[in-house]
Every structure is written in structure tokens, then in C-alpha cells.
Amino acid sequence: MVEVANLTNSKINIKYFQKIGEVVLRKLKQPKDTEISLVFVCDARMKSLNKKYRGINKATDVLSFVYNENNFLGEIVISVPIAKKQATKRSYPLKSELSELFVHGILHLVGYEDETQAGYNKMLKKQKDILAFLSFGAASN
């Protein structure tokens, strides 16, 4: 199950992201009762979270919080304003950018890391594979 909350003024198709999350969790062979949460936020909230949990006093595009309690895997927080900027810079639809960030966040929840070069390469390959499976153009970027 994927719980989605939109704390921004941007229009977000919640059912779409619930479905994407369910498909990705199945693709990653997570148990059927696995739950995650996805929250779309503004830059101010993201900056506050990034400072509190990572000690970095600026907004970032996506944060993942692993809980792994019972069947609740964790929470993914995405900054919609940063995603919009990145999508514009890449001449990319916002929905695709948000989907890519969501997949990236899910990979962190299931144990992928991108702090080392080897971890980054492994995570990026898996992310591209999943995005290709979802039929996103992002897989080629």
C-alpha cells in the first residue's frame, strides 16, 4: 500500500503515484503487505527536514526515511518546486521527474545507497531498469 500526501498547491495525481509505488515494490520483490508513504512538499519544508536530519541547510529534491517497522518500510519526501526546476532544465515532463525521484526514494527504502561510487552505480542501474520497465524516457537519461 502506498499512502500519498500532497502538501503543496501543485496538482498531483495521487492515484497515479499510488499505482507506480505498488508496481515498483512488486518489481523489487517486497512483501504484498509492504507500506510506504510519499509526501510532496514545498522548498521551505524540505529545507527544514534536510537541516534537521542531514545537517544541510538547503532544500533537496528527495529524502527517504527508512522505518522498517512491521510492514511499514518508510517515507519518501519530494520537493515539488525543485522537481519542477529539474524537469524544466531537462525539458522533461514534471510527472516523469516526480516519478524518477519516487523510484529513487523507494530504492533507498529497500537498501540501495548512493554515498559510494559503487553504490551509486548499482543504484543508478536499478533505477534505470525500473524506469524502463515503467516505460519512462528517463531510463535513457
Protein backbone atom coordinates (compact mmCIF):
# COMPACT_ATOMS: atom_id res chain seq x y z
CA MET A 1 0.00 0.00 0.00
CA VAL A 2 1.21 3.48 -0.85
CA GLU A 3 -0.07 6.47 1.10
CA VAL A 4 0.36 9.77 -0.76
CA ALA A 5 0.02 13.26 0.68
CA ASN A 6 0.32 16.48 -1.29
CA LEU A 7 1.24 19.41 0.98
CA THR A 8 1.71 21.82 -1.93
CA ASN A 9 -0.58 23.89 -4.16
CA SER A 10 0.53 21.88 -7.19
CA LYS A 11 -1.91 19.46 -8.77
CA ILE A 12 -0.65 15.90 -8.18
CA ASN A 13 -2.35 12.74 -9.43
CA ILE A 14 -2.30 10.78 -6.17
CA LYS A 15 -3.75 7.57 -7.66
CA TYR A 16 -1.01 7.56 -10.30
CA PHE A 17 1.74 7.65 -7.66
CA GLN A 18 -0.01 5.00 -5.57
CA LYS A 19 -0.02 2.71 -8.60
CA ILE A 20 3.62 3.46 -9.51
CA GLY A 21 4.67 2.72 -5.93
CA GLU A 22 2.81 -0.60 -5.89
CA VAL A 23 4.33 -1.66 -9.22
CA VAL A 24 7.86 -0.73 -8.11
CA LEU A 25 7.51 -2.52 -4.77
CA ARG A 26 6.36 -5.67 -6.59
CA LYS A 27 9.23 -5.35 -9.07
CA LEU A 28 11.62 -5.13 -6.10
CA LYS A 29 10.05 -8.31 -4.65
CA GLN A 30 8.77 -6.64 -1.49
CA PRO A 31 6.07 -8.45 0.52
CA LYS A 32 2.50 -7.70 -0.59
CA ASP A 33 1.66 -6.03 2.72
CA THR A 34 4.58 -3.58 2.48
CA GLU A 35 3.55 0.02 3.08
CA ILE A 36 5.30 3.25 2.17
CA SER A 37 4.41 6.89 2.43
CA LEU A 38 5.07 9.58 -0.20
CA VAL A 39 4.81 13.25 0.69
CA PHE A 40 5.05 16.15 -1.75
CA VAL A 41 6.28 19.34 -0.06
CA CYS A 42 7.40 22.92 -0.73
CA ASP A 43 11.03 24.04 -0.53
CA ALA A 44 10.69 25.54 2.95
CA ARG A 45 9.52 22.26 4.46
CA MET A 46 12.17 20.30 2.55
CA LYS A 47 14.90 22.69 3.72
CA SER A 48 13.74 22.24 7.30
CA LEU A 49 13.77 18.42 7.00
CA ASN A 50 17.16 18.39 5.30
CA LYS A 51 18.65 20.59 8.03
CA LYS A 52 17.11 18.56 10.85
CA TYR A 53 18.01 15.10 9.57
CA ARG A 54 21.12 15.65 7.43
CA GLY A 55 22.58 18.87 8.83
CA ILE A 56 22.36 20.54 5.40
CA ASN A 57 20.69 23.95 5.47
CA LYS A 58 19.16 23.90 1.99
CA ALA A 59 16.33 22.17 0.18
CA THR A 60 16.99 18.98 -1.76
CA ASP A 61 14.91 17.11 -4.32
CA VAL A 62 14.14 13.89 -2.40
CA LEU A 63 14.65 12.46 1.07
CA SER A 64 13.98 8.90 2.19
CA PHE A 65 13.35 7.90 5.78
CA VAL A 66 13.66 4.17 6.45
CA TYR A 67 11.47 2.93 9.29
CA ASN A 68 11.25 -0.79 8.51
CA GLU A 69 8.77 -1.34 11.33
CA ASN A 70 6.33 -4.22 10.86
CA ASN A 71 5.22 -3.82 7.26
CA PHE A 72 5.91 -0.04 7.06
CA LEU A 73 9.09 0.38 5.03
CA GLY A 74 9.39 4.16 5.30
CA GLU A 75 8.60 7.59 3.94
CA ILE A 76 9.74 9.48 0.86
CA VAL A 77 9.56 13.27 0.73
CA ILE A 78 9.82 15.10 -2.61
CA SER A 79 10.21 18.85 -3.14
CA VAL A 80 7.82 19.79 -5.95
CA PRO A 81 9.49 23.17 -6.66
CA ILE A 82 12.91 21.56 -7.07
CA ALA A 83 11.41 18.79 -9.21
CA LYS A 84 9.81 21.49 -11.41
CA LYS A 85 13.17 23.24 -11.84
CA GLN A 86 14.92 19.96 -12.68
CA ALA A 87 12.18 18.98 -15.12
CA THR A 88 12.40 22.34 -16.88
CA LYS A 89 16.19 22.15 -17.06
CA ARG A 90 15.95 18.67 -18.61
CA SER A 91 12.99 19.58 -20.88
CA TYR A 92 11.16 16.82 -19.12
CA PRO A 93 7.50 16.45 -18.01
CA LEU A 94 7.05 17.14 -14.28
CA LYS A 95 5.20 13.84 -13.81
CA SER A 96 8.22 11.95 -15.17
CA GLU A 97 10.65 13.85 -12.93
CA LEU A 98 8.49 13.19 -9.86
CA SER A 99 8.25 9.52 -10.84
CA GLU A 100 12.02 9.25 -11.17
CA LEU A 101 12.52 10.84 -7.75
CA PHE A 102 9.91 8.50 -6.28
CA VAL A 103 11.66 5.42 -7.71
CA HIS A 104 14.97 6.75 -6.35
CA GLY A 105 13.40 7.14 -2.92
CA ILE A 106 11.93 3.64 -2.97
CA LEU A 107 15.34 2.20 -3.82
CA HIS A 108 16.77 3.88 -0.72
CA LEU A 109 13.97 2.38 1.37
CA VAL A 110 14.81 -1.14 0.21
CA GLY A 111 18.52 -0.73 0.96
CA TYR A 112 20.24 0.87 -2.03
CA GLU A 113 22.75 3.62 -1.25
CA ASP A 114 24.40 6.26 -3.38
CA GLU A 115 27.07 7.53 -0.98
CA THR A 116 29.84 5.48 -2.59
CA GLN A 117 30.64 5.30 -6.31
CA ALA A 118 29.94 1.57 -6.41
CA GLY A 119 26.64 2.05 -4.56
CA TYR A 120 25.70 4.94 -6.82
CA ASN A 121 26.42 2.91 -9.96
CA LYS A 122 24.40 -0.07 -8.70
CA MET A 123 21.51 2.18 -7.64
CA LEU A 124 21.51 4.12 -10.92
CA LYS A 125 21.43 0.91 -12.96
CA LYS A 126 18.48 -0.43 -10.93
CA GLN A 127 16.71 2.94 -11.20
CA LYS A 128 17.14 2.97 -14.99
CA ASP A 129 15.92 -0.63 -15.23
CA ILE A 130 12.78 0.19 -13.25
CA LEU A 131 12.09 3.38 -15.21
CA ALA A 132 12.47 1.43 -18.46
CA PHE A 133 10.06 -1.19 -17.07
CA LEU A 134 7.62 1.66 -16.32
CA SER A 135 8.20 2.94 -19.90
CA PHE A 136 9.68 6.30 -18.95
CA GLY A 137 12.05 8.17 -21.19
CA ALA A 138 14.08 8.84 -18.06
CA ALA A 139 15.62 5.42 -18.38
CA SER A 140 17.80 6.66 -21.20
CA ASN A 141 18.99 9.76 -19.32
